[in-house]
Amino acid sequence: MVFKKVVIAGGGVLGSQIAFQAAYCGLDVTVWLRSEGSVGRTLPKIEQTKKAYEDAIELMASPAGKEDANWSFGIADRESFDKEKCLANVQRAHGTIKLELDMAKAVADADIVIESVVENAAEKIVFYKTLAPLLSPKTILVTNSSTLLPSTFAKYTGRPDKFLSLHFANAIWKNITAEIMAQGETSQESFLNVMEFASLIRMMPLPVNKEKSGYLLNSMLVPFLLSGLDLYVNGVSDPESIDKAWVYGTGSPRGPFRILDVVGLKTAYNIVMEYQKVPGLLSPLLKKMLMPYNFKGMAKVLKDMMDQGKLGKASGEGFYKY
């Protein structure tokens, strides 16, 4: 399949990054947004992403860029790296991303639509019901959901054979994983097409052979973040000390609270609310594993911070100030 027009539904942290990466790779990119307010929140994220690409390129061109930890393969391979060409591509990408409030206009003739709206099942269902009659027959539809299964939404899409998950890690120019997960009605052709699309935008396609909430990365990351939050809300320690325990104890670059700030507290709150609903449906063994978590305490801490405008790194303050 030839991919030319890409539509991102939602301009949050990852939505903005996906849009920029696709534009950087030369595709025609439109970001659909719900309101003028959403436009006002998305424009700064695109500017931040542009700056992040520029900083990454400068690092890649420096002596420190020789280290694998400092190389962004989503921007260029080592053997073909040209600093000035990469910076020119960033400028071009920044100038070509379109923002659109009219859904029908946004998705007209799209080859792929990437849903990256709020991590809430009810809101996603409303989105899919509205979107379904507006899509071209050729359009592949994917969800970038962090925790929700594509089978939850397939019947609302109007094209279950062309619907699956495509999940990105944060800072996609550097963390180039693209987890691709089918649901029961996804055609093999659509699955392979999305694998091809991921490669086209310089991602590393990772097939997920069984439907799994959290895919590969978040199946490991979410319990880690919940554990950090649980230590804090139960008064065991403070965010900075918890982060230091992880960073200095394992050699990892960031602890759970730095990661939460990057992911965004709204996303973290929605994940906590979803997990809070789960234990009653689980097997006794999984209940025993999850029930010790103080989900109510986590939700309250995150909600209080959000009410104060502390949304994470993108807003200038979360658990840390930026």
Protein backbone atom coordinates (compact mmCIF):
# COMPACT_ATOMS: atom_id res chain seq x y z
CA MET A 1 0.00 0.00 0.00
CA VAL A 2 1.20 3.51 -0.80
CA PHE A 3 0.92 5.85 2.17
CA LYS A 4 0.70 9.55 1.36
CA LYS A 5 -1.88 11.22 3.60
CA VAL A 6 -1.69 10.61 7.35
CA VAL A 7 -4.25 11.93 9.83
CA ILE A 8 -3.61 12.07 13.55
CA ALA A 9 -6.72 12.43 15.71
CA GLY A 10 -5.58 14.28 18.81
CA GLY A 11 -2.71 16.66 19.43
CA GLY A 12 -1.47 15.51 22.83
CA VAL A 13 2.12 14.62 23.67
CA LEU A 14 2.24 11.53 21.47
CA GLY A 15 -0.20 12.78 18.86
CA SER A 16 2.03 15.79 18.21
CA GLN A 17 5.14 13.61 18.04
CA ILE A 18 3.57 11.11 15.63
CA ALA A 19 2.46 13.98 13.41
CA PHE A 20 5.94 15.51 13.40
CA GLN A 21 7.68 12.20 12.70
CA ALA A 22 5.40 11.43 9.76
CA ALA A 23 5.90 14.95 8.37
CA TYR A 24 9.66 14.67 8.90
CA CYS A 25 9.54 11.53 6.73
CA GLY A 26 7.86 13.47 3.93
CA LEU A 27 4.21 12.48 4.35
CA ASP A 28 1.19 14.77 4.08
CA VAL A 29 0.07 15.19 7.72
CA THR A 30 -3.13 16.60 9.19
CA VAL A 31 -3.95 16.73 12.90
CA TRP A 32 -7.66 16.69 13.69
CA LEU A 33 -8.58 18.57 16.86
CA ARG A 34 -11.87 18.95 18.74
CA SER A 35 -11.85 22.70 19.37
CA GLU A 36 -10.01 26.00 19.13
CA GLY A 37 -8.86 25.34 22.69
CA SER A 38 -7.26 22.11 21.49
CA VAL A 39 -5.43 24.08 18.79
CA GLY A 40 -4.04 26.39 21.47
CA ARG A 41 -2.77 23.42 23.45
CA THR A 42 -1.37 21.56 20.43
CA LEU A 43 0.68 24.35 18.84
CA PRO A 44 3.11 24.59 21.79
CA LYS A 45 3.54 20.81 21.76
CA ILE A 46 4.50 20.91 18.08
CA GLU A 47 6.97 23.72 18.83
CA GLN A 48 8.44 21.66 21.69
CA THR A 49 8.75 18.64 19.41
CA LYS A 50 10.52 20.73 16.75
CA LYS A 51 12.98 21.96 19.38
CA ALA A 52 13.52 18.39 20.59
CA TYR A 53 14.40 17.27 17.04
CA GLU A 54 16.81 20.17 16.62
CA ASP A 55 18.47 19.42 19.95
CA ALA A 56 18.73 15.73 19.03
CA ILE A 57 20.38 16.58 15.72
CA GLU A 58 22.90 18.88 17.43
CA LEU A 59 23.71 16.08 19.87
CA MET A 60 24.09 13.57 17.05
CA ALA A 61 26.58 15.92 15.37
CA SER A 62 28.66 16.28 18.54
CA PRO A 63 31.34 13.90 19.86
CA ALA A 64 28.80 12.62 22.41
CA GLY A 65 26.57 11.60 19.50
CA LYS A 66 28.88 8.67 18.80
CA GLU A 67 27.34 6.90 21.79
CA ASP A 68 24.29 4.77 20.99
CA ALA A 69 22.42 6.29 23.94
CA ASN A 70 22.62 9.71 22.26
CA TRP A 71 21.66 8.69 18.73
CA SER A 72 18.12 9.16 17.36
CA PHE A 73 17.53 6.56 14.67
CA GLY A 74 14.09 8.04 13.96
CA ILE A 75 15.94 11.03 12.51
CA ALA A 76 18.76 9.37 10.56
CA ASP A 77 21.01 6.34 10.29
CA ARG A 78 24.65 6.90 11.22
CA GLU A 79 25.97 6.23 7.73
CA SER A 80 23.57 8.70 6.05
CA PHE A 81 23.56 11.42 8.71
CA ASP A 82 23.84 14.94 7.35
CA LYS A 83 23.25 17.61 9.98
CA GLU A 84 22.15 20.36 7.62
CA LYS A 85 19.85 18.09 5.66
CA CYS A 86 18.22 16.82 8.86
CA LEU A 87 17.69 20.36 10.16
CA ALA A 88 16.16 21.32 6.81
CA ASN A 89 13.78 18.36 7.09
CA VAL A 90 12.74 19.56 10.55
CA GLN A 91 11.95 23.02 9.18
CA ARG A 92 9.99 21.54 6.29
CA ALA A 93 8.02 19.21 8.60
CA HIS A 94 7.18 22.08 10.94
CA GLY A 95 5.84 24.13 8.07
CA THR A 96 3.68 21.42 6.50
CA ILE A 97 1.68 19.98 9.44
CA LYS A 98 -1.96 21.06 9.10
CA LEU A 99 -4.41 21.48 11.99
CA GLU A 100 -8.08 20.90 11.22
CA LEU A 101 -11.28 21.15 13.29
CA ASP A 102 -13.61 19.78 10.60
CA MET A 103 -13.40 15.99 10.93
CA ALA A 104 -14.78 15.22 7.47
CA LYS A 105 -12.32 17.59 5.83
CA ALA A 106 -9.45 16.27 7.93
CA VAL A 107 -9.91 12.58 7.03
CA ALA A 108 -10.94 12.99 3.39
CA ASP A 109 -8.83 10.64 1.22
CA ALA A 110 -6.66 9.60 4.19
CA ASP A 111 -4.54 6.49 3.76
CA ILE A 112 -4.24 5.99 7.51
CA VAL A 113 -5.92 7.60 10.53
CA ILE A 114 -4.13 7.29 13.85
CA GLU A 115 -6.44 7.76 16.82
CA SER A 116 -4.59 9.38 19.71
CA VAL A 117 -7.46 10.89 21.71
CA VAL A 118 -7.83 10.77 25.48
CA GLU A 119 -7.29 7.35 27.11
CA ASN A 120 -10.96 6.83 27.98
CA ALA A 121 -13.05 4.04 26.43
CA ALA A 122 -16.34 5.97 26.35
CA GLU A 123 -14.76 8.97 24.64
CA LYS A 124 -12.99 6.77 22.11
CA ILE A 125 -16.28 5.01 21.25
CA VAL A 126 -17.97 8.36 20.59
CA PHE A 127 -15.03 9.33 18.39
CA TYR A 128 -15.19 6.11 16.33
CA LYS A 129 -18.95 6.33 15.84
CA THR A 130 -18.57 9.88 14.53
CA LEU A 131 -15.59 9.01 12.35
CA ALA A 132 -16.85 5.77 10.76
CA PRO A 133 -19.18 7.24 8.07
CA LEU A 134 -16.58 9.84 7.04
CA LEU A 135 -13.76 7.49 6.02
CA SER A 136 -12.75 6.44 2.52
CA PRO A 137 -13.01 2.66 1.89
CA LYS A 138 -9.20 2.49 1.52
CA THR A 139 -8.43 4.08 4.90
CA ILE A 140 -6.69 2.01 7.55
CA LEU A 141 -7.63 3.01 11.09
CA VAL A 142 -5.35 2.42 14.07
CA THR A 143 -5.49 3.25 17.75
CA ASN A 144 -2.50 4.46 19.73
CA SER A 145 -4.21 3.51 23.01
CA SER A 146 -1.80 2.78 25.85
CA THR A 147 -3.92 0.20 27.69
CA LEU A 148 -7.22 -0.45 25.87
CA LEU A 149 -7.68 -3.40 23.52
CA PRO A 150 -8.61 -2.76 19.86
CA SER A 151 -11.36 -5.40 20.07
CA THR A 152 -13.18 -3.01 22.46
CA PHE A 153 -13.70 -0.58 19.58
CA ALA A 154 -13.70 -2.70 16.39
CA LYS A 155 -17.48 -2.85 16.00
CA TYR A 156 -17.76 0.95 16.16
CA THR A 157 -15.23 1.63 13.40
CA GLY A 158 -17.25 0.47 10.38
CA ARG A 159 -14.13 -1.34 9.15
CA PRO A 160 -13.05 -4.01 11.65
CA ASP A 161 -10.89 -5.68 8.97
CA LYS A 162 -8.87 -2.46 8.63
CA PHE A 163 -8.67 -1.65 12.35
CA LEU A 164 -5.82 -2.50 14.72
CA SER A 165 -3.40 -0.97 17.23
CA LEU A 166 -0.22 0.95 16.50
CA HIS A 167 1.42 2.02 19.75
CA PHE A 168 4.41 4.36 20.01
CA ALA A 169 6.77 5.07 22.87
CA ASN A 170 7.26 8.65 24.03
CA ALA A 171 10.08 10.61 22.30
CA ILE A 172 9.54 8.56 19.15
CA TRP A 173 12.45 10.13 17.24
CA LYS A 174 14.72 8.40 19.78
CA ASN A 175 12.59 5.55 21.19
CA ILE A 176 11.61 4.07 17.84
CA THR A 177 9.46 1.12 18.90
CA ALA A 178 6.12 0.72 17.11
CA GLU A 179 4.01 -2.07 18.64
CA ILE A 180 1.50 -3.42 16.13
CA MET A 181 -1.35 -5.51 17.50
CA ALA A 182 -4.28 -6.98 15.59
CA GLN A 183 -7.72 -7.83 16.95
CA GLY A 184 -9.79 -10.84 15.89
CA GLU A 185 -11.21 -9.27 12.72
CA THR A 186 -8.08 -7.50 11.46
CA SER A 187 -7.04 -8.74 8.03
CA GLN A 188 -3.50 -9.97 7.48
CA GLU A 189 -3.19 -7.43 4.67
CA SER A 190 -3.98 -4.54 7.03
CA PHE A 191 -1.56 -5.88 9.63
CA LEU A 192 1.27 -6.08 7.08
CA ASN A 193 0.39 -2.63 5.72
CA VAL A 194 0.72 -1.09 9.18
CA MET A 195 4.05 -2.88 9.68
CA GLU A 196 5.14 -1.28 6.38
CA PHE A 197 3.86 2.15 7.48
CA ALA A 198 5.84 1.95 10.73
CA SER A 199 9.03 1.25 8.77
CA LEU A 200 8.22 4.10 6.37
CA ILE A 201 8.30 6.61 9.24
CA ARG A 202 11.59 5.16 10.54
CA MET A 203 10.11 3.17 13.40
CA MET A 204 11.01 -0.39 14.46
CA PRO A 205 7.86 -2.51 13.89
CA LEU A 206 7.25 -4.96 16.75
CA PRO A 207 4.46 -7.48 16.08
CA VAL A 208 2.27 -8.34 19.07
CA ASN A 209 0.89 -11.77 18.27
CA LYS A 210 -1.81 -11.88 20.96
CA GLU A 211 -4.12 -9.08 22.03
CA LYS A 212 -2.68 -7.83 25.31
CA SER A 213 -3.61 -4.75 27.31
CA GLY A 214 -0.45 -2.68 27.56
CA TYR A 215 1.17 -4.36 24.55
CA LEU A 216 4.86 -5.07 25.25
CA LEU A 217 6.25 -1.85 26.71
CA ASN A 218 3.35 -0.74 28.90
CA SER A 219 2.79 -4.25 30.23
CA MET A 220 6.13 -3.67 31.95
CA LEU A 221 6.02 0.13 32.40
CA VAL A 222 2.55 0.65 33.94
CA PRO A 223 3.09 -1.67 36.95
CA PHE A 224 6.42 0.11 37.52
CA LEU A 225 4.75 3.55 37.55
CA LEU A 226 1.91 2.32 39.77
CA SER A 227 4.45 0.96 42.24
CA GLY A 228 6.19 4.33 42.42
CA LEU A 229 2.91 6.20 42.88
CA ASP A 230 1.80 3.74 45.54
CA LEU A 231 4.95 4.37 47.58
CA TYR A 232 4.24 8.11 47.47
CA VAL A 233 0.50 8.18 48.18
CA ASN A 234 0.94 5.83 51.13
CA GLY A 235 3.53 8.15 52.65
CA VAL A 236 6.44 5.73 52.31
CA SER A 237 8.66 8.36 50.69
CA ASP A 238 8.70 11.44 48.43
CA PRO A 239 8.86 11.46 44.59
CA GLU A 240 12.47 12.65 44.40
CA SER A 241 13.74 9.98 46.80
CA ILE A 242 11.75 7.25 45.04
CA ASP A 243 13.21 8.36 41.71
CA LYS A 244 16.74 8.40 43.14
CA ALA A 245 16.29 4.88 44.51
CA TRP A 246 15.49 3.65 41.00
CA VAL A 247 18.03 5.76 39.08
CA TYR A 248 21.01 5.13 41.34
CA GLY A 249 20.01 1.57 42.14
CA THR A 250 19.60 0.40 38.54
CA GLY A 251 21.50 2.89 36.38
CA SER A 252 18.30 3.90 34.59
CA PRO A 253 18.14 7.49 33.30
CA ARG A 254 14.76 8.33 34.93
CA GLY A 255 12.64 7.21 37.83
CA PRO A 256 8.83 6.77 37.85
CA PHE A 257 7.95 10.40 38.63
CA ARG A 258 10.15 11.88 35.91
CA ILE A 259 8.50 9.43 33.51
CA LEU A 260 5.02 10.38 34.76
CA ASP A 261 5.80 14.04 34.09
CA VAL A 262 6.85 13.23 30.53
CA VAL A 263 3.84 11.00 29.86
CA GLY A 264 1.52 13.65 31.32
CA LEU A 265 -0.54 13.48 34.51
CA LYS A 266 -3.86 13.40 32.63
CA THR A 267 -2.84 10.20 30.87
CA ALA A 268 -1.60 8.78 34.18
CA TYR A 269 -4.90 9.69 35.86
CA ASN A 270 -6.94 7.99 33.13
CA ILE A 271 -4.83 4.84 33.42
CA VAL A 272 -5.27 4.78 37.21
CA MET A 273 -9.04 5.17 36.80
CA GLU A 274 -9.14 2.27 34.33
CA TYR A 275 -7.07 0.03 36.64
CA GLN A 276 -9.32 0.97 39.55
CA LYS A 277 -12.24 -0.66 37.71
CA VAL A 278 -10.36 -3.86 36.91
CA PRO A 279 -9.77 -5.85 40.12
CA GLY A 280 -13.39 -6.95 40.54
CA LEU A 281 -13.21 -8.70 37.17
CA LEU A 282 -9.91 -10.45 37.75
CA SER A 283 -8.97 -13.91 38.88
CA PRO A 284 -8.18 -14.31 42.62
CA LEU A 285 -4.45 -14.42 41.85
CA LEU A 286 -4.46 -11.16 39.89
CA LYS A 287 -6.70 -9.53 42.49
CA LYS A 288 -4.11 -10.37 45.11
CA MET A 289 -1.41 -8.78 42.96
CA LEU A 290 -3.32 -5.55 42.23
CA MET A 291 -5.48 -4.90 45.27
CA PRO A 292 -2.60 -3.74 47.53
CA TYR A 293 -2.29 -0.66 45.31
CA ASN A 294 -3.96 2.45 46.72
CA PHE A 295 -5.75 3.44 43.50
CA LYS A 296 -8.04 5.93 45.25
CA GLY A 297 -5.04 7.69 46.75
CA MET A 298 -3.29 7.80 43.38
CA ALA A 299 -6.38 9.21 41.68
CA LYS A 300 -6.77 11.92 44.34
CA VAL A 301 -3.13 13.02 44.17
CA LEU A 302 -3.19 13.20 40.37
CA LYS A 303 -6.57 14.97 40.25
CA ASP A 304 -5.47 17.57 42.80
CA MET A 305 -2.33 18.29 40.78
CA MET A 306 -4.30 18.54 37.54
CA ASP A 307 -6.73 20.99 39.17
CA GLN A 308 -3.72 23.15 40.04
CA GLY A 309 -2.60 23.13 36.40
CA LYS A 310 0.29 20.77 37.12
CA LEU A 311 -0.05 18.51 34.10
CA GLY A 312 3.55 17.38 33.73
CA LYS A 313 6.56 18.54 31.75
CA ALA A 314 4.47 19.93 28.88
CA SER A 315 2.80 22.45 31.25
CA GLY A 316 6.03 23.38 33.01
CA GLU A 317 5.26 21.56 36.24
CA GLY A 318 4.19 18.16 37.46
CA PHE A 319 6.00 16.32 40.22
CA TYR A 320 8.96 18.53 39.21
CA LYS A 321 9.26 22.07 37.83
CA TYR A 322 10.65 22.60 34.31
